[in-house]
Structure formats: C-alpha cells, structure tokens
N, C-alpha and C. Protein backbone atom coordinates (compact mmCIF):
# COMPACT_ATOMS: atom_id res chain seq x y z
N MET A 1 33.87 88.26 56.39
CA MET A 1 34.89 88.25 57.44
C MET A 1 36.26 88.08 56.80
N HIS A 2 37.15 89.03 57.06
CA HIS A 2 38.48 88.98 56.48
C HIS A 2 39.38 88.07 57.32
N LYS A 3 40.15 87.23 56.65
CA LYS A 3 40.98 86.24 57.34
C LYS A 3 42.40 86.75 57.56
N TYR A 4 42.51 88.01 57.90
CA TYR A 4 43.82 88.59 58.17
C TYR A 4 43.64 89.83 59.04
N PHE A 5 44.74 90.30 59.62
CA PHE A 5 44.71 91.48 60.48
C PHE A 5 45.32 92.66 59.74
N ILE A 6 44.70 93.82 59.89
CA ILE A 6 45.28 95.05 59.35
C ILE A 6 46.49 95.45 60.18
N LYS A 7 46.33 95.41 61.48
CA LYS A 7 47.43 95.67 62.41
C LYS A 7 47.81 94.35 63.05
N THR A 8 49.06 93.95 62.88
CA THR A 8 49.48 92.65 63.42
C THR A 8 49.35 92.64 64.94
N PRO A 9 48.62 91.68 65.52
CA PRO A 9 48.45 91.63 66.97
C PRO A 9 49.74 91.28 67.69
N TRP A 10 49.89 91.77 68.90
CA TRP A 10 51.12 91.56 69.67
C TRP A 10 51.38 90.08 69.91
N ILE A 11 50.32 89.28 70.01
CA ILE A 11 50.50 87.87 70.32
C ILE A 11 51.24 87.15 69.19
N ALA A 12 50.99 87.56 67.93
CA ALA A 12 51.71 86.95 66.80
C ALA A 12 53.20 87.25 66.90
N LYS A 13 53.52 88.48 67.28
CA LYS A 13 54.93 88.86 67.41
C LYS A 13 55.59 88.10 68.56
N LYS A 14 54.82 87.83 69.60
CA LYS A 14 55.36 87.11 70.76
C LYS A 14 55.59 85.63 70.44
N ILE A 15 54.67 85.03 69.68
CA ILE A 15 54.79 83.62 69.34
C ILE A 15 55.92 83.39 68.33
N PHE A 16 56.10 84.37 67.42
CA PHE A 16 57.12 84.23 66.36
C PHE A 16 58.12 85.38 66.43
N PRO A 17 58.89 85.45 67.51
CA PRO A 17 59.79 86.60 67.68
C PRO A 17 60.97 86.60 66.73
N PHE A 18 61.24 85.47 66.08
CA PHE A 18 62.38 85.40 65.17
C PHE A 18 62.03 85.92 63.77
N TYR A 19 60.77 86.26 63.53
CA TYR A 19 60.39 86.95 62.30
C TYR A 19 60.51 88.46 62.55
N VAL A 20 60.75 89.21 61.49
CA VAL A 20 60.84 90.67 61.61
C VAL A 20 59.46 91.26 61.33
N TRP A 21 58.87 91.86 62.36
CA TRP A 21 57.53 92.44 62.25
C TRP A 21 57.57 93.96 62.10
N SER A 22 58.55 94.57 62.72
CA SER A 22 58.74 96.02 62.64
C SER A 22 60.20 96.28 62.96
N VAL A 23 60.58 97.54 62.91
CA VAL A 23 61.96 97.94 63.16
C VAL A 23 61.97 98.90 64.34
N PRO A 24 62.95 98.81 65.23
CA PRO A 24 63.02 99.78 66.33
C PRO A 24 62.97 101.21 65.77
N ALA A 25 62.11 102.02 66.34
CA ALA A 25 61.90 103.38 65.82
C ALA A 25 63.20 104.17 65.84
N GLU A 26 63.53 104.75 64.71
CA GLU A 26 64.75 105.55 64.59
C GLU A 26 64.52 106.64 63.55
N ASP A 27 64.77 107.87 63.93
CA ASP A 27 64.62 109.00 62.99
C ASP A 27 63.22 109.07 62.40
N ASN A 28 62.23 108.56 63.12
CA ASN A 28 60.85 108.57 62.63
C ASN A 28 60.73 107.89 61.26
N ALA A 29 61.52 106.86 61.05
CA ALA A 29 61.50 106.14 59.77
C ALA A 29 60.38 105.11 59.73
N VAL A 30 59.80 104.94 58.55
CA VAL A 30 58.87 103.84 58.28
C VAL A 30 59.37 103.12 57.04
N TYR A 31 58.88 101.90 56.84
CA TYR A 31 59.43 101.03 55.81
C TYR A 31 58.31 100.56 54.88
N LEU A 32 58.24 101.19 53.72
CA LEU A 32 57.25 100.81 52.71
C LEU A 32 57.73 99.56 51.99
N THR A 33 56.85 98.58 51.83
CA THR A 33 57.20 97.37 51.10
C THR A 33 56.14 97.09 50.04
N PHE A 34 56.59 96.52 48.93
CA PHE A 34 55.71 96.23 47.80
C PHE A 34 55.88 94.77 47.40
N ASP A 35 54.79 94.02 47.40
CA ASP A 35 54.82 92.59 47.10
C ASP A 35 54.27 92.30 45.70
N ASP A 36 54.74 91.21 45.13
CA ASP A 36 54.17 90.55 43.95
C ASP A 36 54.66 91.07 42.60
N GLY A 37 55.49 92.10 42.57
CA GLY A 37 56.04 92.56 41.30
C GLY A 37 57.22 91.72 40.87
N PRO A 38 57.99 92.24 39.91
CA PRO A 38 57.74 93.51 39.23
C PRO A 38 56.65 93.38 38.16
N HIS A 39 55.98 94.50 37.92
CA HIS A 39 54.94 94.59 36.89
C HIS A 39 55.42 95.63 35.87
N PRO A 40 55.18 95.40 34.58
CA PRO A 40 55.78 96.27 33.56
C PRO A 40 55.32 97.72 33.57
N THR A 41 54.13 98.00 34.08
CA THR A 41 53.68 99.40 34.14
C THR A 41 53.47 99.89 35.57
N ILE A 42 52.99 99.04 36.44
CA ILE A 42 52.67 99.48 37.81
C ILE A 42 53.93 99.72 38.62
N THR A 43 54.92 98.85 38.51
CA THR A 43 56.16 99.06 39.27
C THR A 43 56.85 100.35 38.86
N PRO A 44 57.00 100.67 37.56
CA PRO A 44 57.58 101.97 37.20
C PRO A 44 56.77 103.15 37.73
N TRP A 45 55.45 103.02 37.76
CA TRP A 45 54.61 104.08 38.34
C TRP A 45 54.95 104.28 39.81
N VAL A 46 55.08 103.18 40.55
CA VAL A 46 55.47 103.25 41.96
C VAL A 46 56.83 103.91 42.10
N LEU A 47 57.78 103.51 41.27
CA LEU A 47 59.13 104.06 41.37
C LEU A 47 59.15 105.56 41.11
N ASP A 48 58.38 106.01 40.13
CA ASP A 48 58.32 107.45 39.85
C ASP A 48 57.74 108.22 41.03
N LEU A 49 56.73 107.65 41.66
CA LEU A 49 56.10 108.31 42.80
C LEU A 49 57.06 108.35 44.00
N LEU A 50 57.75 107.27 44.24
CA LEU A 50 58.73 107.25 45.33
C LEU A 50 59.82 108.29 45.10
N LYS A 51 60.26 108.42 43.87
CA LYS A 51 61.30 109.40 43.55
C LYS A 51 60.81 110.82 43.83
N GLU A 52 59.55 111.07 43.51
CA GLU A 52 58.96 112.39 43.74
C GLU A 52 59.00 112.78 45.21
N PHE A 53 58.88 111.79 46.10
CA PHE A 53 58.86 112.06 47.54
C PHE A 53 60.20 111.73 48.21
N ASP A 54 61.22 111.48 47.41
CA ASP A 54 62.54 111.13 47.94
C ASP A 54 62.41 109.97 48.94
N ALA A 55 61.63 108.97 48.56
CA ALA A 55 61.34 107.83 49.44
C ALA A 55 62.03 106.58 48.92
N LYS A 56 62.57 105.80 49.84
CA LYS A 56 63.13 104.50 49.50
C LYS A 56 62.20 103.41 50.04
N ALA A 57 62.25 102.24 49.39
CA ALA A 57 61.33 101.16 49.75
C ALA A 57 62.01 99.82 49.49
N THR A 58 61.29 98.76 49.84
CA THR A 58 61.76 97.40 49.62
C THR A 58 60.71 96.64 48.82
N PHE A 59 61.15 96.01 47.74
CA PHE A 59 60.24 95.30 46.83
C PHE A 59 60.46 93.79 46.97
N PHE A 60 59.43 93.09 47.45
CA PHE A 60 59.48 91.64 47.56
C PHE A 60 58.93 91.04 46.27
N CYS A 61 59.83 90.55 45.45
CA CYS A 61 59.52 90.19 44.07
C CYS A 61 59.29 88.69 43.90
N ILE A 62 58.39 88.36 43.00
CA ILE A 62 58.14 86.97 42.61
C ILE A 62 59.15 86.61 41.52
N GLY A 63 59.82 85.48 41.70
CA GLY A 63 60.89 85.11 40.79
C GLY A 63 60.48 85.05 39.33
N LYS A 64 59.31 84.47 39.05
CA LYS A 64 58.90 84.34 37.65
C LYS A 64 58.64 85.71 37.03
N ASN A 65 58.24 86.70 37.84
CA ASN A 65 58.05 88.05 37.31
C ASN A 65 59.39 88.73 37.05
N VAL A 66 60.37 88.47 37.91
CA VAL A 66 61.71 89.02 37.68
C VAL A 66 62.29 88.44 36.40
N GLU A 67 62.10 87.14 36.20
CA GLU A 67 62.60 86.50 34.98
C GLU A 67 61.91 87.07 33.75
N LYS A 68 60.63 87.41 33.88
CA LYS A 68 59.85 87.92 32.75
C LYS A 68 60.14 89.39 32.48
N TYR A 69 60.40 90.17 33.54
CA TYR A 69 60.61 91.61 33.39
C TYR A 69 61.94 92.03 34.04
N PRO A 70 63.06 91.54 33.54
CA PRO A 70 64.34 91.84 34.18
C PRO A 70 64.70 93.32 34.16
N ASP A 71 64.27 94.04 33.13
CA ASP A 71 64.60 95.47 33.06
C ASP A 71 63.90 96.25 34.17
N VAL A 72 62.67 95.86 34.48
CA VAL A 72 61.94 96.54 35.56
C VAL A 72 62.61 96.23 36.90
N TYR A 73 63.03 94.99 37.08
CA TYR A 73 63.74 94.61 38.30
C TYR A 73 65.02 95.42 38.46
N GLN A 74 65.76 95.57 37.38
CA GLN A 74 67.00 96.35 37.45
C GLN A 74 66.72 97.82 37.73
N LYS A 75 65.59 98.30 37.26
CA LYS A 75 65.21 99.70 37.52
C LYS A 75 64.97 99.91 39.02
N ILE A 76 64.36 98.93 39.68
CA ILE A 76 64.17 99.01 41.13
C ILE A 76 65.52 99.20 41.82
N ILE A 77 66.48 98.40 41.43
CA ILE A 77 67.81 98.45 42.06
C ILE A 77 68.55 99.73 41.70
N SER A 78 68.50 100.11 40.42
CA SER A 78 69.26 101.28 39.98
C SER A 78 68.72 102.57 40.59
N GLU A 79 67.47 102.57 41.01
CA GLU A 79 66.90 103.77 41.63
C GLU A 79 67.06 103.76 43.15
N GLY A 80 67.85 102.80 43.64
CA GLY A 80 68.26 102.85 45.04
C GLY A 80 67.37 102.15 46.04
N HIS A 81 66.52 101.25 45.56
CA HIS A 81 65.63 100.52 46.46
C HIS A 81 66.19 99.13 46.75
N ALA A 82 65.67 98.51 47.79
CA ALA A 82 66.07 97.14 48.15
C ALA A 82 65.08 96.15 47.54
N THR A 83 65.54 94.92 47.37
CA THR A 83 64.65 93.86 46.90
C THR A 83 64.69 92.69 47.88
N GLY A 84 63.66 91.87 47.82
CA GLY A 84 63.58 90.68 48.64
C GLY A 84 62.92 89.56 47.86
N ASN A 85 63.08 88.35 48.33
CA ASN A 85 62.57 87.14 47.70
C ASN A 85 61.14 86.87 48.18
N HIS A 86 60.24 86.60 47.24
CA HIS A 86 58.83 86.34 47.56
C HIS A 86 58.38 85.02 46.92
N THR A 87 59.31 84.08 46.82
CA THR A 87 59.18 82.79 46.14
C THR A 87 59.17 82.98 44.62
N TYR A 88 59.28 81.90 43.90
CA TYR A 88 59.25 81.95 42.43
C TYR A 88 57.82 81.92 41.91
N HIS A 89 56.95 81.13 42.56
CA HIS A 89 55.58 80.93 42.06
C HIS A 89 54.50 81.47 43.00
N HIS A 90 54.86 82.30 43.98
CA HIS A 90 53.90 82.84 44.94
C HIS A 90 53.16 81.71 45.68
N LEU A 91 53.94 80.87 46.35
CA LEU A 91 53.39 79.69 47.02
C LEU A 91 52.92 79.99 48.43
N ASN A 92 51.88 79.28 48.83
CA ASN A 92 51.39 79.31 50.21
C ASN A 92 52.13 78.22 50.99
N GLY A 93 52.96 78.62 51.93
CA GLY A 93 53.78 77.65 52.67
C GLY A 93 52.96 76.64 53.45
N TRP A 94 51.79 77.04 53.93
CA TRP A 94 50.97 76.12 54.70
C TRP A 94 50.45 74.97 53.84
N LYS A 95 50.36 75.20 52.53
CA LYS A 95 49.76 74.21 51.64
C LYS A 95 50.80 73.52 50.75
N THR A 96 52.07 73.77 51.02
CA THR A 96 53.13 73.27 50.14
C THR A 96 54.10 72.39 50.92
N ASP A 97 54.47 71.28 50.32
CA ASP A 97 55.50 70.41 50.91
C ASP A 97 56.76 71.22 51.21
N ASP A 98 57.39 70.92 52.34
CA ASP A 98 58.52 71.73 52.80
C ASP A 98 59.63 71.84 51.76
N GLN A 99 60.06 70.72 51.21
CA GLN A 99 61.18 70.77 50.27
C GLN A 99 60.80 71.48 48.99
N ASN A 100 59.56 71.28 48.52
CA ASN A 100 59.10 71.98 47.32
C ASN A 100 59.08 73.49 47.55
N TYR A 101 58.70 73.88 48.76
CA TYR A 101 58.65 75.31 49.09
C TYR A 101 60.06 75.90 49.09
N VAL A 102 60.96 75.24 49.77
CA VAL A 102 62.35 75.73 49.85
C VAL A 102 62.97 75.76 48.46
N ASP A 103 62.72 74.74 47.66
CA ASP A 103 63.26 74.71 46.29
C ASP A 103 62.74 75.88 45.47
N ASP A 104 61.48 76.24 45.69
CA ASP A 104 60.88 77.37 44.96
C ASP A 104 61.55 78.68 45.37
N VAL A 105 61.81 78.83 46.65
CA VAL A 105 62.51 80.02 47.14
C VAL A 105 63.92 80.09 46.55
N LEU A 106 64.60 78.96 46.50
CA LEU A 106 65.96 78.94 45.96
C LEU A 106 65.97 79.20 44.45
N LYS A 107 64.91 78.77 43.76
CA LYS A 107 64.81 79.10 42.34
C LYS A 107 64.69 80.60 42.15
N ALA A 108 63.86 81.23 42.99
CA ALA A 108 63.73 82.69 42.93
C ALA A 108 65.05 83.37 43.26
N ALA A 109 65.81 82.77 44.16
CA ALA A 109 67.10 83.36 44.58
C ALA A 109 68.11 83.40 43.45
N GLN A 110 67.90 82.64 42.39
CA GLN A 110 68.77 82.73 41.22
C GLN A 110 68.64 84.08 40.54
N PHE A 111 67.48 84.73 40.73
CA PHE A 111 67.21 86.01 40.07
C PHE A 111 67.20 87.18 41.06
N ILE A 112 66.96 86.87 42.34
CA ILE A 112 66.82 87.91 43.37
C ILE A 112 67.93 87.72 44.38
N LYS A 113 68.93 88.57 44.34
CA LYS A 113 70.08 88.44 45.23
C LYS A 113 69.81 89.24 46.51
N SER A 114 69.24 88.59 47.48
CA SER A 114 68.86 89.27 48.72
C SER A 114 68.77 88.26 49.85
N ASN A 115 69.05 88.70 51.06
CA ASN A 115 68.86 87.82 52.22
C ASN A 115 67.53 88.10 52.91
N LEU A 116 66.69 88.92 52.29
CA LEU A 116 65.36 89.21 52.82
C LEU A 116 64.33 88.31 52.13
N PHE A 117 63.45 87.72 52.92
CA PHE A 117 62.42 86.85 52.37
C PHE A 117 61.09 87.15 53.04
N ARG A 118 60.06 87.31 52.22
CA ARG A 118 58.69 87.44 52.76
C ARG A 118 57.83 86.33 52.19
N PRO A 119 57.22 85.52 53.05
CA PRO A 119 56.35 84.44 52.55
C PRO A 119 55.04 85.00 52.00
N PRO A 120 54.64 84.59 50.80
CA PRO A 120 53.32 85.00 50.30
C PRO A 120 52.22 84.67 51.31
N TYR A 121 51.30 85.59 51.46
CA TYR A 121 50.17 85.49 52.40
C TYR A 121 50.64 85.51 53.86
N GLY A 122 51.93 85.66 54.09
CA GLY A 122 52.47 85.57 55.45
C GLY A 122 52.40 84.17 56.01
N ARG A 123 52.25 83.18 55.14
CA ARG A 123 52.03 81.80 55.60
C ARG A 123 53.25 80.94 55.34
N ILE A 124 53.88 80.52 56.42
CA ILE A 124 55.09 79.72 56.33
C ILE A 124 55.19 78.85 57.57
N LYS A 125 55.66 77.63 57.40
CA LYS A 125 55.87 76.74 58.55
C LYS A 125 57.24 77.04 59.17
N ALA A 126 57.36 76.81 60.46
CA ALA A 126 58.61 77.12 61.16
C ALA A 126 59.79 76.37 60.56
N ARG A 127 59.60 75.13 60.18
CA ARG A 127 60.72 74.36 59.63
C ARG A 127 61.10 74.86 58.24
N GLN A 128 60.12 75.36 57.47
CA GLN A 128 60.44 75.98 56.19
C GLN A 128 61.27 77.23 56.42
N ALA A 129 60.86 78.02 57.40
CA ALA A 129 61.57 79.27 57.69
C ALA A 129 63.02 79.00 58.07
N LYS A 130 63.24 78.00 58.89
CA LYS A 130 64.61 77.69 59.32
C LYS A 130 65.49 77.30 58.12
N LYS A 131 64.95 76.48 57.24
CA LYS A 131 65.72 76.07 56.07
C LYS A 131 66.03 77.26 55.16
N ILE A 132 65.07 78.16 55.02
CA ILE A 132 65.27 79.32 54.15
C ILE A 132 66.30 80.27 54.74
N VAL A 133 66.22 80.51 56.03
CA VAL A 133 67.20 81.39 56.69
C VAL A 133 68.61 80.88 56.46
N ASP A 134 68.79 79.57 56.54
CA ASP A 134 70.12 78.98 56.36
C ASP A 134 70.57 78.97 54.90
N ALA A 135 69.60 78.99 53.97
CA ALA A 135 69.93 78.83 52.55
C ALA A 135 70.16 80.15 51.82
N LEU A 136 69.62 81.25 52.35
CA LEU A 136 69.76 82.54 51.67
C LEU A 136 71.18 83.07 51.82
N PRO A 137 71.55 84.09 51.03
CA PRO A 137 72.93 84.60 51.02
C PRO A 137 73.48 84.88 52.41
N THR A 138 74.74 84.54 52.60
CA THR A 138 75.51 84.72 53.84
C THR A 138 74.95 83.87 54.99
N ASN A 139 74.06 82.93 54.67
CA ASN A 139 73.43 82.10 55.71
C ASN A 139 72.80 82.97 56.80
N ASN A 140 72.33 84.12 56.38
CA ASN A 140 71.79 85.10 57.33
C ASN A 140 70.46 85.64 56.81
N GLY A 141 69.63 84.72 56.31
CA GLY A 141 68.34 85.13 55.80
C GLY A 141 67.44 85.69 56.89
N LYS A 142 66.59 86.62 56.52
CA LYS A 142 65.65 87.22 57.47
C LYS A 142 64.24 87.08 56.92
N ILE A 143 63.34 86.58 57.76
CA ILE A 143 61.94 86.42 57.39
C ILE A 143 61.22 87.72 57.74
N ILE A 144 60.78 88.43 56.73
CA ILE A 144 60.18 89.75 56.91
C ILE A 144 58.66 89.65 56.86
N MET A 145 58.02 90.02 57.95
CA MET A 145 56.56 90.11 57.99
C MET A 145 56.17 91.59 57.93
N TRP A 146 55.27 92.04 58.76
CA TRP A 146 54.81 93.44 58.73
C TRP A 146 54.01 93.72 59.98
N ASP A 147 53.78 95.00 60.23
CA ASP A 147 52.84 95.32 61.31
C ASP A 147 51.67 96.16 60.81
N VAL A 148 51.70 96.61 59.53
CA VAL A 148 50.57 97.33 58.96
C VAL A 148 50.30 96.80 57.55
N LEU A 149 49.08 96.37 57.33
CA LEU A 149 48.66 95.84 56.03
C LEU A 149 47.66 96.83 55.42
N SER A 150 47.98 97.36 54.25
CA SER A 150 47.05 98.30 53.62
C SER A 150 45.79 97.59 53.12
N ALA A 151 45.91 96.29 52.79
CA ALA A 151 44.82 95.50 52.19
C ALA A 151 44.41 96.06 50.84
N ASP A 152 45.37 96.66 50.13
CA ASP A 152 45.08 97.21 48.80
C ASP A 152 44.64 96.14 47.81
N PHE A 153 45.00 94.88 48.07
CA PHE A 153 44.66 93.76 47.19
C PHE A 153 43.20 93.34 47.31
N ASP A 154 42.51 93.81 48.34
CA ASP A 154 41.17 93.34 48.67
C ASP A 154 40.12 94.30 48.11
N SER A 155 39.41 93.87 47.08
CA SER A 155 38.44 94.75 46.41
C SER A 155 37.22 95.04 47.26
N SER A 156 37.06 94.35 48.38
CA SER A 156 35.93 94.65 49.26
C SER A 156 36.17 95.93 50.07
N PHE A 157 37.41 96.41 50.06
CA PHE A 157 37.74 97.68 50.71
C PHE A 157 37.83 98.79 49.67
N SER A 158 37.33 99.96 50.02
CA SER A 158 37.47 101.12 49.14
C SER A 158 38.89 101.68 49.27
N PRO A 159 39.33 102.49 48.30
CA PRO A 159 40.63 103.14 48.44
C PRO A 159 40.74 103.95 49.72
N GLN A 160 39.65 104.61 50.10
CA GLN A 160 39.66 105.42 51.32
C GLN A 160 39.84 104.56 52.57
N GLN A 161 39.21 103.39 52.58
CA GLN A 161 39.39 102.48 53.71
C GLN A 161 40.82 101.98 53.80
N CYS A 162 41.41 101.66 52.66
CA CYS A 162 42.81 101.20 52.65
C CYS A 162 43.74 102.27 53.19
N LEU A 163 43.49 103.51 52.81
CA LEU A 163 44.31 104.61 53.32
C LEU A 163 44.15 104.73 54.83
N LYS A 164 42.94 104.58 55.31
CA LYS A 164 42.70 104.65 56.75
C LYS A 164 43.45 103.54 57.49
N HIS A 165 43.48 102.34 56.89
CA HIS A 165 44.25 101.24 57.50
C HIS A 165 45.69 101.68 57.76
N VAL A 166 46.28 102.34 56.78
CA VAL A 166 47.69 102.74 56.89
C VAL A 166 47.86 103.88 57.88
N LEU A 167 47.10 104.94 57.71
CA LEU A 167 47.33 106.14 58.52
C LEU A 167 46.95 105.93 59.98
N ASP A 168 45.97 105.11 60.25
CA ASP A 168 45.54 104.89 61.65
C ASP A 168 46.50 103.99 62.42
N ASN A 169 47.32 103.23 61.73
CA ASN A 169 48.13 102.21 62.40
C ASN A 169 49.64 102.39 62.30
N THR A 170 50.08 103.31 61.48
CA THR A 170 51.52 103.50 61.29
C THR A 170 52.14 104.28 62.43
N VAL A 171 53.27 103.77 62.91
CA VAL A 171 54.09 104.47 63.91
C VAL A 171 55.54 104.37 63.44
N GLY A 172 56.43 105.06 64.10
CA GLY A 172 57.83 104.96 63.75
C GLY A 172 58.30 103.51 63.81
N GLY A 173 58.97 103.06 62.75
CA GLY A 173 59.45 101.69 62.69
C GLY A 173 58.50 100.72 62.02
N SER A 174 57.31 101.18 61.64
CA SER A 174 56.33 100.29 61.00
C SER A 174 56.83 99.77 59.66
N ILE A 175 56.53 98.50 59.40
CA ILE A 175 56.70 97.89 58.08
C ILE A 175 55.31 97.80 57.46
N ILE A 176 55.13 98.49 56.34
CA ILE A 176 53.81 98.64 55.72
C ILE A 176 53.78 97.87 54.40
N VAL A 177 52.71 97.13 54.17
CA VAL A 177 52.60 96.30 52.96
C VAL A 177 51.65 96.93 51.93
N PHE A 178 52.20 97.09 50.71
CA PHE A 178 51.41 97.41 49.52
C PHE A 178 51.71 96.33 48.47
N HIS A 179 51.02 96.39 47.34
CA HIS A 179 51.25 95.42 46.26
C HIS A 179 51.35 96.16 44.93
N ASP A 180 52.45 95.95 44.21
CA ASP A 180 52.57 96.52 42.86
C ASP A 180 52.07 95.48 41.85
N SER A 181 50.74 95.31 41.87
CA SER A 181 50.09 94.29 41.04
C SER A 181 48.81 94.86 40.44
N GLU A 182 48.34 94.24 39.36
CA GLU A 182 47.10 94.69 38.73
C GLU A 182 45.92 94.58 39.69
N LYS A 183 45.89 93.50 40.45
CA LYS A 183 44.79 93.26 41.39
C LYS A 183 44.65 94.40 42.39
N ALA A 184 45.77 94.97 42.80
CA ALA A 184 45.75 95.99 43.86
C ALA A 184 45.70 97.41 43.32
N PHE A 185 45.89 97.60 42.01
CA PHE A 185 46.19 98.95 41.53
C PHE A 185 45.06 99.95 41.73
N LYS A 186 43.82 99.51 41.64
CA LYS A 186 42.72 100.46 41.86
C LYS A 186 42.85 101.13 43.22
N ASN A 187 43.16 100.35 44.25
CA ASN A 187 43.35 100.92 45.58
C ASN A 187 44.72 101.59 45.71
N LEU A 188 45.76 100.93 45.21
CA LEU A 188 47.11 101.47 45.35
C LEU A 188 47.25 102.84 44.72
N SER A 189 46.62 103.05 43.58
CA SER A 189 46.78 104.31 42.86
C SER A 189 46.26 105.50 43.66
N TYR A 190 45.36 105.25 44.59
CA TYR A 190 44.90 106.30 45.51
C TYR A 190 45.69 106.29 46.81
N VAL A 191 45.90 105.12 47.35
CA VAL A 191 46.48 105.00 48.70
C VAL A 191 47.94 105.44 48.75
N LEU A 192 48.74 105.03 47.78
CA LEU A 192 50.17 105.32 47.87
C LEU A 192 50.49 106.81 47.85
N PRO A 193 49.99 107.59 46.88
CA PRO A 193 50.30 109.02 46.92
C PRO A 193 49.80 109.71 48.18
N GLU A 194 48.60 109.31 48.64
CA GLU A 194 48.06 109.94 49.85
C GLU A 194 48.86 109.53 51.09
N THR A 195 49.33 108.29 51.12
CA THR A 195 50.18 107.84 52.23
C THR A 195 51.48 108.64 52.27
N LEU A 196 52.12 108.77 51.13
CA LEU A 196 53.38 109.51 51.06
C LEU A 196 53.20 110.96 51.49
N LYS A 197 52.14 111.58 51.00
CA LYS A 197 51.89 112.99 51.37
C LYS A 197 51.61 113.12 52.86
N SER A 198 50.74 112.27 53.38
CA SER A 198 50.32 112.39 54.78
C SER A 198 51.46 112.08 55.74
N LEU A 199 52.17 110.98 55.50
CA LEU A 199 53.24 110.60 56.43
C LEU A 199 54.42 111.56 56.36
N LYS A 200 54.72 112.07 55.17
CA LYS A 200 55.80 113.05 55.06
C LYS A 200 55.42 114.32 55.82
N ARG A 201 54.17 114.73 55.71
CA ARG A 201 53.69 115.92 56.42
C ARG A 201 53.79 115.72 57.93
N GLU A 202 53.62 114.48 58.38
CA GLU A 202 53.71 114.18 59.81
C GLU A 202 55.15 114.02 60.29
N GLY A 203 56.11 114.14 59.38
CA GLY A 203 57.51 114.09 59.77
C GLY A 203 58.18 112.74 59.63
N PHE A 204 57.50 111.79 58.99
CA PHE A 204 58.11 110.48 58.76
C PHE A 204 59.04 110.53 57.54
N CYS A 205 60.04 109.66 57.55
CA CYS A 205 60.88 109.44 56.38
C CYS A 205 60.77 107.97 55.98
N PHE A 206 61.19 107.66 54.77
CA PHE A 206 60.94 106.34 54.18
C PHE A 206 62.26 105.68 53.83
N LYS A 207 62.55 104.54 54.46
CA LYS A 207 63.85 103.90 54.30
C LYS A 207 63.72 102.46 53.81
N ARG A 208 64.84 101.93 53.31
CA ARG A 208 64.96 100.53 52.91
C ARG A 208 65.12 99.64 54.13
N LEU A 209 64.53 98.47 54.07
CA LEU A 209 64.64 97.55 55.20
C LEU A 209 66.05 97.05 55.43
N ASP A 210 66.79 96.81 54.36
CA ASP A 210 68.12 96.23 54.54
C ASP A 210 69.08 97.17 55.26
N GLU A 211 68.76 98.46 55.28
CA GLU A 211 69.61 99.42 55.99
C GLU A 211 69.35 99.41 57.49
N ALA A 212 68.25 98.78 57.90
CA ALA A 212 67.87 98.81 59.31
C ALA A 212 68.08 97.48 60.01
N LEU A 213 68.38 96.43 59.25
CA LEU A 213 68.44 95.08 59.83
C LEU A 213 69.87 94.56 59.89
C-alpha cells in the first residue's frame, strides 16, 4: 500500500489552500518540477533533454547537493530554468523540531536564491510553513506542492506505470513531480522523454513556476 497519492485529492487542496498545488490553466502550460538534485550526471541529462524539447522547468534543490555541485546548479540557472529550496538535508517536517526545520531551510537559502520552497515528502507543519514564507526572499515565500506525482522514486512501479501516472492525470496548469536522483533514474530515464514527447504532441508547453506565480 503506497502512502501517497498520484493525483492530489481535492480535499487536500481545500484544507491547505495557501499551498500552491497547481496553476490556473493558461496557454495549455504545464509545470515540470525536479526534486533532490543537483546530481553530477543525472541533472545535466535532464537539462539536455529539456533543451531538446524547448522546455523550461523548476528544480527544487537540496542545499548540501548545491554546495557539493555548484557548477551543476549554475548550469540549471544559465540554461533558463527556475530553482527552489528543498531544505539543506532533505528533512521530513513532520518529524523535525520546528526551529531546526526552519534553520535547515535557511541554511539551504544561503546557496539557493529563490522564494519557492517545496517540503521533502510534502510533509510540513503549518507553523513551519508560516515561518518559512516570512523568512524567504522578499518575505513572499511560496510553498509549492503538486497535483501529479510520477512516483519515479518508487521501485515498486515500472517505468510504464510511472508514465501512465503522468499522462492520465495531467491537465493544463498541472505541477508534475519528477526526481533528478540516482534512486529515480531507472524510471525517470524512460518517463521523462516519453512525457515530453506525448504532452508536446497534445499541445502542451512547459514553463517555469516562478513565471506563473
């Protein structure tokens, strides 16, 4: 039994309306997001593929990975993509003391200059979220969730199943989650090119989140 939803249920959006779950549909745009990088080989592979399809995306980076691979992080930015904060140590907010969690986010913010924040595992307490929103640049932080999860990180799903998760649930304005990580790459290496081909054929375009919020 998987402890997460592929398609975010409406009730979650209703209970937490101050989180960003999707974007109002405009120009048939969808928003590809990549969590847990940067990775020295997988992130450049993703960037090359996005360039091939003239697609822009948003990368929610782990601070310690940015510190370890600064050139890859700069490549994300120089190729015209957006970045977001994904904590420094990939912490689970439900299991972490509030101040320790916020401090970890602020440590990541030393390397990731963005007002976009995505909590690892999607798990964050409301009071943590409020502190982070106030602490991020311009005091205008945004907590970014999603409405479509590829589940590329889950080895119990085949690459074909992960692709089905994306294609069956994506609509205009969807925020879709992938992972530029070793754990996810077996699925990602199949799902991402097929997603780009299929959605482009259906008339979707791929934009950065910061341009829509």
